[in-house]
Amino acid sequence: MHENSTSHKKFYHQWFEAEMRLKRGKTIHCEEQKLISRETLRWNNVLIRLMNIIFYLVENNMAFRGTSDKLYTPNNGKFLGLVQLVGKFDPIMQEHLELAMAGDISDHYCGKNNNQNKLIDLMGGKVKSEIVSRAKNSKY
């Protein structure tokens, strides 16, 4: 009979183990999802800090760049200088800067390739749309 065959028992056992792993959240998919969630949270935290640095510079009408666009070099400007300063006291930025310096992340939003401009443009677009929205909704 089929139910008593060794192949049936083997596959039933594998199916049962897979079902138990699914219920406990111990599948490869779950582990990958946890990694993705951790990485997403890390990037969100990094971007929050970078945005706050940008807000500070904009609110105080300060220039962003210096003559160098590399981290930990002289004359690299206020933006990178503040990123480095925050990295001294904030473990999230410290880890981010370590990864950036080691070359473990390709796009660290702290230097060349116009990443600063991309971030500023994205934020500027949001600010502009918020201003337009508030103007349209205000009573004259």
N, C-alpha and C. Protein backbone atom coordinates (compact mmCIF):
# COMPACT_ATOMS: atom_id res chain seq x y z
N MET A 1 0.83 -1.17 0.00
CA MET A 1 0.00 0.00 0.00
C MET A 1 0.89 1.26 0.00
N HIS A 2 0.42 2.32 -0.66
CA HIS A 2 1.21 3.53 -0.85
C HIS A 2 1.57 4.20 0.49
N GLU A 3 0.62 4.30 1.41
CA GLU A 3 0.86 4.99 2.68
C GLU A 3 1.95 4.32 3.52
N ASN A 4 2.20 3.05 3.27
CA ASN A 4 3.21 2.32 4.03
C ASN A 4 4.57 2.28 3.33
N SER A 5 4.66 2.86 2.15
CA SER A 5 5.93 2.83 1.42
C SER A 5 6.94 3.76 2.09
N THR A 6 8.22 3.46 1.91
CA THR A 6 9.27 4.27 2.54
C THR A 6 9.30 5.68 1.95
N SER A 7 9.05 5.80 0.66
CA SER A 7 9.07 7.14 0.05
C SER A 7 7.93 7.99 0.60
N HIS A 8 6.76 7.40 0.78
CA HIS A 8 5.63 8.15 1.33
C HIS A 8 5.94 8.62 2.75
N LYS A 9 6.49 7.73 3.56
CA LYS A 9 6.82 8.09 4.94
C LYS A 9 7.89 9.19 4.97
N LYS A 10 8.86 9.07 4.08
CA LYS A 10 9.93 10.07 4.02
C LYS A 10 9.37 11.45 3.65
N PHE A 11 8.53 11.50 2.61
CA PHE A 11 7.98 12.78 2.18
C PHE A 11 6.97 13.33 3.17
N TYR A 12 6.22 12.44 3.82
CA TYR A 12 5.29 12.89 4.85
C TYR A 12 6.07 13.52 6.00
N HIS A 13 7.16 12.91 6.39
CA HIS A 13 8.00 13.45 7.47
C HIS A 13 8.57 14.82 7.08
N GLN A 14 9.04 14.96 5.83
CA GLN A 14 9.56 16.24 5.36
C GLN A 14 8.46 17.30 5.34
N TRP A 15 7.28 16.90 4.89
CA TRP A 15 6.15 17.84 4.86
C TRP A 15 5.80 18.29 6.27
N PHE A 16 5.77 17.35 7.21
CA PHE A 16 5.43 17.66 8.59
C PHE A 16 6.47 18.61 9.20
N GLU A 17 7.75 18.36 8.94
CA GLU A 17 8.80 19.25 9.45
C GLU A 17 8.68 20.65 8.84
N ALA A 18 8.38 20.72 7.55
CA ALA A 18 8.21 22.02 6.89
C ALA A 18 7.04 22.78 7.49
N GLU A 19 5.96 22.07 7.76
CA GLU A 19 4.79 22.71 8.36
C GLU A 19 5.12 23.25 9.74
N MET A 20 5.87 22.50 10.51
CA MET A 20 6.25 22.94 11.85
C MET A 20 7.17 24.17 11.78
N ARG A 21 8.11 24.18 10.82
CA ARG A 21 8.99 25.34 10.66
C ARG A 21 8.19 26.57 10.26
N LEU A 22 7.20 26.38 9.40
CA LEU A 22 6.35 27.51 9.00
C LEU A 22 5.61 28.08 10.21
N LYS A 23 5.08 27.20 11.03
CA LYS A 23 4.33 27.66 12.20
C LYS A 23 5.23 28.39 13.19
N ARG A 24 6.48 27.97 13.30
CA ARG A 24 7.42 28.59 14.24
C ARG A 24 8.18 29.76 13.62
N GLY A 25 7.97 30.00 12.32
CA GLY A 25 8.68 31.09 11.66
C GLY A 25 10.15 30.80 11.47
N LYS A 26 10.49 29.56 11.22
CA LYS A 26 11.89 29.16 11.08
C LYS A 26 12.24 28.74 9.66
N THR A 27 11.56 29.29 8.69
CA THR A 27 11.87 28.94 7.30
C THR A 27 12.90 29.90 6.74
N ILE A 28 13.47 29.55 5.62
CA ILE A 28 14.45 30.42 4.96
C ILE A 28 13.80 31.76 4.63
N HIS A 29 12.57 31.72 4.16
CA HIS A 29 11.85 32.95 3.81
C HIS A 29 11.74 33.87 5.02
N CYS A 30 11.41 33.31 6.16
CA CYS A 30 11.27 34.13 7.37
C CYS A 30 12.60 34.75 7.76
N GLU A 31 13.66 33.98 7.66
CA GLU A 31 14.98 34.51 8.00
C GLU A 31 15.38 35.63 7.04
N GLU A 32 15.11 35.43 5.75
CA GLU A 32 15.41 36.48 4.77
C GLU A 32 14.57 37.73 5.04
N GLN A 33 13.32 37.53 5.40
CA GLN A 33 12.45 38.67 5.70
C GLN A 33 12.95 39.44 6.91
N LYS A 34 13.46 38.73 7.90
CA LYS A 34 14.03 39.40 9.08
C LYS A 34 15.25 40.23 8.68
N LEU A 35 16.09 39.67 7.81
CA LEU A 35 17.26 40.42 7.34
C LEU A 35 16.84 41.67 6.58
N ILE A 36 15.86 41.53 5.72
CA ILE A 36 15.36 42.67 4.95
C ILE A 36 14.78 43.72 5.88
N SER A 37 14.03 43.29 6.88
CA SER A 37 13.44 44.23 7.83
C SER A 37 14.51 44.97 8.62
N ARG A 38 15.54 44.24 9.06
CA ARG A 38 16.63 44.89 9.80
C ARG A 38 17.36 45.91 8.92
N GLU A 39 17.62 45.53 7.67
CA GLU A 39 18.32 46.44 6.76
C GLU A 39 17.46 47.66 6.45
N THR A 40 16.16 47.46 6.28
CA THR A 40 15.25 48.58 6.04
C THR A 40 15.24 49.53 7.23
N LEU A 41 15.16 48.98 8.42
CA LEU A 41 15.17 49.80 9.63
C LEU A 41 16.48 50.57 9.75
N ARG A 42 17.60 49.91 9.44
CA ARG A 42 18.90 50.58 9.51
C ARG A 42 18.95 51.75 8.54
N TRP A 43 18.52 51.53 7.30
CA TRP A 43 18.54 52.61 6.31
C TRP A 43 17.59 53.74 6.70
N ASN A 44 16.43 53.40 7.23
CA ASN A 44 15.51 54.45 7.70
C ASN A 44 16.16 55.30 8.78
N ASN A 45 16.82 54.65 9.71
CA ASN A 45 17.50 55.38 10.79
C ASN A 45 18.62 56.26 10.24
N VAL A 46 19.37 55.76 9.29
CA VAL A 46 20.45 56.55 8.68
C VAL A 46 19.86 57.76 7.96
N LEU A 47 18.82 57.54 7.17
CA LEU A 47 18.23 58.64 6.41
C LEU A 47 17.60 59.69 7.31
N ILE A 48 17.03 59.28 8.42
CA ILE A 48 16.48 60.24 9.39
C ILE A 48 17.59 61.15 9.89
N ARG A 49 18.72 60.58 10.21
CA ARG A 49 19.84 61.38 10.70
C ARG A 49 20.38 62.31 9.63
N LEU A 50 20.51 61.79 8.40
CA LEU A 50 20.99 62.64 7.31
C LEU A 50 20.01 63.77 7.02
N MET A 51 18.72 63.47 7.06
CA MET A 51 17.73 64.52 6.81
C MET A 51 17.79 65.59 7.89
N ASN A 52 18.00 65.19 9.12
CA ASN A 52 18.09 66.18 10.19
C ASN A 52 19.34 67.04 10.06
N ILE A 53 20.42 66.47 9.58
CA ILE A 53 21.62 67.26 9.31
C ILE A 53 21.32 68.27 8.21
N ILE A 54 20.64 67.82 7.17
CA ILE A 54 20.28 68.72 6.07
C ILE A 54 19.34 69.82 6.57
N PHE A 55 18.34 69.46 7.37
CA PHE A 55 17.43 70.46 7.92
C PHE A 55 18.20 71.52 8.71
N TYR A 56 19.14 71.09 9.52
CA TYR A 56 19.93 72.02 10.32
C TYR A 56 20.69 72.99 9.41
N LEU A 57 21.35 72.46 8.39
CA LEU A 57 22.13 73.32 7.49
C LEU A 57 21.23 74.29 6.73
N VAL A 58 20.08 73.81 6.30
CA VAL A 58 19.16 74.67 5.54
C VAL A 58 18.57 75.75 6.44
N GLU A 59 18.14 75.36 7.63
CA GLU A 59 17.55 76.34 8.56
C GLU A 59 18.53 77.46 8.90
N ASN A 60 19.80 77.14 8.92
CA ASN A 60 20.81 78.13 9.27
C ASN A 60 21.51 78.71 8.04
N ASN A 61 20.96 78.41 6.87
CA ASN A 61 21.46 78.96 5.61
C ASN A 61 22.97 78.75 5.46
N MET A 62 23.39 77.51 5.67
CA MET A 62 24.81 77.19 5.63
C MET A 62 25.13 76.38 4.37
N ALA A 63 26.34 76.56 3.88
CA ALA A 63 26.80 75.80 2.73
C ALA A 63 27.01 74.34 3.13
N PHE A 64 26.81 73.45 2.18
CA PHE A 64 26.93 72.02 2.45
C PHE A 64 28.33 71.50 2.22
N ARG A 65 28.92 71.90 1.10
CA ARG A 65 30.14 71.26 0.65
C ARG A 65 31.38 72.09 0.92
N GLY A 66 32.47 71.36 0.98
CA GLY A 66 33.78 71.99 1.02
C GLY A 66 34.51 71.65 -0.27
N THR A 67 35.80 71.70 -0.25
CA THR A 67 36.57 71.40 -1.46
C THR A 67 36.76 69.90 -1.65
N SER A 68 36.52 69.12 -0.61
CA SER A 68 36.65 67.66 -0.71
C SER A 68 35.28 67.02 -0.51
N ASP A 69 35.04 65.92 -1.20
CA ASP A 69 33.77 65.22 -1.03
C ASP A 69 33.97 63.84 -0.41
N LYS A 70 35.04 63.68 0.32
CA LYS A 70 35.35 62.40 0.95
C LYS A 70 35.27 62.54 2.47
N LEU A 71 34.77 61.49 3.09
CA LEU A 71 34.70 61.46 4.55
C LEU A 71 36.10 61.49 5.15
N TYR A 72 36.19 62.11 6.30
CA TYR A 72 37.42 62.15 7.09
C TYR A 72 38.61 62.75 6.34
N THR A 73 38.33 63.76 5.53
CA THR A 73 39.40 64.51 4.88
C THR A 73 39.22 65.98 5.24
N PRO A 74 40.32 66.74 5.24
CA PRO A 74 40.19 68.17 5.54
C PRO A 74 39.33 68.88 4.49
N ASN A 75 38.65 69.90 4.91
CA ASN A 75 37.84 70.76 4.03
C ASN A 75 36.75 69.99 3.28
N ASN A 76 36.11 69.03 3.96
CA ASN A 76 35.05 68.28 3.29
C ASN A 76 33.67 68.89 3.53
N GLY A 77 33.60 70.04 4.11
CA GLY A 77 32.35 70.77 4.22
C GLY A 77 31.56 70.48 5.47
N LYS A 78 30.52 71.27 5.63
CA LYS A 78 29.71 71.17 6.85
C LYS A 78 28.86 69.91 6.88
N PHE A 79 28.33 69.50 5.73
CA PHE A 79 27.49 68.30 5.70
C PHE A 79 28.29 67.08 6.15
N LEU A 80 29.39 66.81 5.48
CA LEU A 80 30.19 65.64 5.84
C LEU A 80 30.79 65.80 7.24
N GLY A 81 31.14 67.02 7.60
CA GLY A 81 31.66 67.25 8.94
C GLY A 81 30.63 66.91 10.01
N LEU A 82 29.38 67.31 9.78
CA LEU A 82 28.32 66.98 10.74
C LEU A 82 28.00 65.49 10.74
N VAL A 83 28.07 64.87 9.57
CA VAL A 83 27.87 63.42 9.51
C VAL A 83 28.94 62.72 10.36
N GLN A 84 30.17 63.16 10.22
CA GLN A 84 31.26 62.59 11.02
C GLN A 84 31.05 62.86 12.50
N LEU A 85 30.60 64.06 12.84
CA LEU A 85 30.36 64.41 14.24
C LEU A 85 29.26 63.53 14.84
N VAL A 86 28.16 63.39 14.13
CA VAL A 86 27.07 62.54 14.61
C VAL A 86 27.58 61.10 14.77
N GLY A 87 28.42 60.66 13.85
CA GLY A 87 28.97 59.31 13.92
C GLY A 87 29.82 59.06 15.15
N LYS A 88 30.36 60.11 15.73
CA LYS A 88 31.16 59.93 16.96
C LYS A 88 30.30 59.56 18.15
N PHE A 89 29.04 59.98 18.14
CA PHE A 89 28.18 59.81 19.31
C PHE A 89 26.99 58.89 19.08
N ASP A 90 26.68 58.62 17.83
CA ASP A 90 25.50 57.83 17.50
C ASP A 90 25.93 56.48 16.93
N PRO A 91 25.55 55.38 17.56
CA PRO A 91 26.00 54.07 17.09
C PRO A 91 25.49 53.71 15.69
N ILE A 92 24.32 54.19 15.33
CA ILE A 92 23.78 53.88 14.00
C ILE A 92 24.62 54.54 12.92
N MET A 93 24.92 55.83 13.11
CA MET A 93 25.75 56.53 12.13
C MET A 93 27.19 56.02 12.17
N GLN A 94 27.65 55.66 13.34
CA GLN A 94 29.01 55.12 13.45
C GLN A 94 29.14 53.85 12.62
N GLU A 95 28.16 52.96 12.75
CA GLU A 95 28.17 51.73 11.95
C GLU A 95 28.09 52.05 10.46
N HIS A 96 27.23 53.00 10.12
CA HIS A 96 27.07 53.38 8.72
C HIS A 96 28.37 53.92 8.13
N LEU A 97 29.04 54.76 8.89
CA LEU A 97 30.30 55.33 8.41
C LEU A 97 31.38 54.26 8.30
N GLU A 98 31.39 53.33 9.23
CA GLU A 98 32.36 52.23 9.15
C GLU A 98 32.12 51.40 7.89
N LEU A 99 30.86 51.11 7.60
CA LEU A 99 30.54 50.36 6.38
C LEU A 99 30.91 51.15 5.13
N ALA A 100 30.65 52.45 5.17
CA ALA A 100 30.97 53.30 4.02
C ALA A 100 32.48 53.36 3.78
N MET A 101 33.23 53.49 4.85
CA MET A 101 34.69 53.58 4.72
C MET A 101 35.29 52.25 4.27
N ALA A 102 34.68 51.15 4.69
CA ALA A 102 35.18 49.83 4.31
C ALA A 102 34.75 49.46 2.89
N GLY A 103 33.83 50.23 2.32
CA GLY A 103 33.34 49.93 0.98
C GLY A 103 32.29 48.84 0.95
N ASP A 104 31.69 48.54 2.10
CA ASP A 104 30.69 47.48 2.17
C ASP A 104 29.32 47.91 1.69
N ILE A 105 29.12 49.21 1.55
CA ILE A 105 27.86 49.70 0.99
C ILE A 105 28.21 50.60 -0.19
N SER A 106 27.48 50.43 -1.26
CA SER A 106 27.84 51.15 -2.48
C SER A 106 27.28 52.56 -2.51
N ASP A 107 26.16 52.79 -1.86
CA ASP A 107 25.53 54.11 -1.90
C ASP A 107 25.29 54.57 -0.48
N HIS A 108 26.19 55.37 0.05
CA HIS A 108 26.09 55.72 1.46
C HIS A 108 25.57 57.13 1.70
N TYR A 109 25.24 57.87 0.63
CA TYR A 109 24.65 59.20 0.73
C TYR A 109 25.51 60.19 1.50
N CYS A 110 26.79 59.96 1.53
CA CYS A 110 27.66 60.86 2.29
C CYS A 110 28.77 61.45 1.44
N GLY A 111 28.73 61.35 0.16
CA GLY A 111 29.85 61.86 -0.61
C GLY A 111 29.52 62.14 -2.04
N LYS A 112 30.41 61.69 -2.90
CA LYS A 112 30.33 62.03 -4.32
C LYS A 112 29.13 61.39 -5.01
N ASN A 113 29.09 61.50 -6.31
CA ASN A 113 28.01 60.98 -7.17
C ASN A 113 26.70 61.73 -6.96
N ASN A 114 26.78 62.97 -6.51
CA ASN A 114 25.61 63.83 -6.36
C ASN A 114 24.54 63.26 -5.43
N ASN A 115 24.93 62.38 -4.53
CA ASN A 115 23.96 61.82 -3.59
C ASN A 115 23.40 62.88 -2.66
N GLN A 116 24.24 63.84 -2.28
CA GLN A 116 23.74 64.93 -1.46
C GLN A 116 22.66 65.69 -2.23
N ASN A 117 22.92 65.95 -3.50
CA ASN A 117 21.94 66.67 -4.31
C ASN A 117 20.64 65.87 -4.45
N LYS A 118 20.75 64.56 -4.61
CA LYS A 118 19.55 63.73 -4.71
C LYS A 118 18.71 63.85 -3.45
N LEU A 119 19.37 63.75 -2.32
CA LEU A 119 18.66 63.83 -1.04
C LEU A 119 18.04 65.21 -0.86
N ILE A 120 18.79 66.25 -1.19
CA ILE A 120 18.28 67.62 -1.06
C ILE A 120 17.10 67.83 -2.02
N ASP A 121 17.22 67.35 -3.25
CA ASP A 121 16.14 67.50 -4.22
C ASP A 121 14.87 66.77 -3.77
N LEU A 122 15.04 65.56 -3.25
CA LEU A 122 13.87 64.81 -2.76
C LEU A 122 13.18 65.55 -1.63
N MET A 123 13.98 66.04 -0.70
CA MET A 123 13.41 66.76 0.44
C MET A 123 12.81 68.09 -0.01
N GLY A 124 13.49 68.76 -0.94
CA GLY A 124 12.97 70.03 -1.45
C GLY A 124 11.64 69.86 -2.14
N GLY A 125 11.51 68.77 -2.90
CA GLY A 125 10.23 68.49 -3.56
C GLY A 125 9.11 68.29 -2.57
N LYS A 126 9.40 67.59 -1.49
CA LYS A 126 8.39 67.37 -0.44
C LYS A 126 8.00 68.69 0.22
N VAL A 127 9.00 69.51 0.52
CA VAL A 127 8.73 70.80 1.16
C VAL A 127 7.88 71.67 0.24
N LYS A 128 8.25 71.69 -1.03
CA LYS A 128 7.51 72.50 -2.01
C LYS A 128 6.07 72.03 -2.12
N SER A 129 5.86 70.72 -2.21
CA SER A 129 4.49 70.22 -2.32
C SER A 129 3.69 70.50 -1.06
N GLU A 130 4.33 70.47 0.09
CA GLU A 130 3.65 70.79 1.35
C GLU A 130 3.26 72.26 1.39
N ILE A 131 4.13 73.13 0.93
CA ILE A 131 3.83 74.57 0.89
C ILE A 131 2.66 74.83 -0.05
N VAL A 132 2.69 74.22 -1.23
CA VAL A 132 1.61 74.40 -2.19
C VAL A 132 0.30 73.86 -1.62
N SER A 133 0.36 72.71 -0.98
CA SER A 133 -0.84 72.12 -0.39
C SER A 133 -1.43 73.02 0.69
N ARG A 134 -0.57 73.55 1.55
CA ARG A 134 -1.06 74.44 2.61
C ARG A 134 -1.63 75.73 2.03
N ALA A 135 -1.00 76.24 0.98
CA ALA A 135 -1.50 77.47 0.36
C ALA A 135 -2.87 77.24 -0.26
N LYS A 136 -3.06 76.09 -0.90
CA LYS A 136 -4.35 75.79 -1.52
C LYS A 136 -5.44 75.60 -0.47
N ASN A 137 -5.08 75.04 0.67
CA ASN A 137 -6.07 74.75 1.72
C ASN A 137 -6.32 75.93 2.65
N SER A 138 -5.52 76.98 2.55
CA SER A 138 -5.70 78.11 3.47
C SER A 138 -6.85 79.00 3.00
N LYS A 139 -7.40 79.73 3.95
CA LYS A 139 -8.49 80.65 3.64
C LYS A 139 -7.91 82.04 3.40
N TYR A 140 -8.32 82.66 2.32
CA TYR A 140 -7.85 84.02 2.01
C TYR A 140 -8.95 84.99 2.23
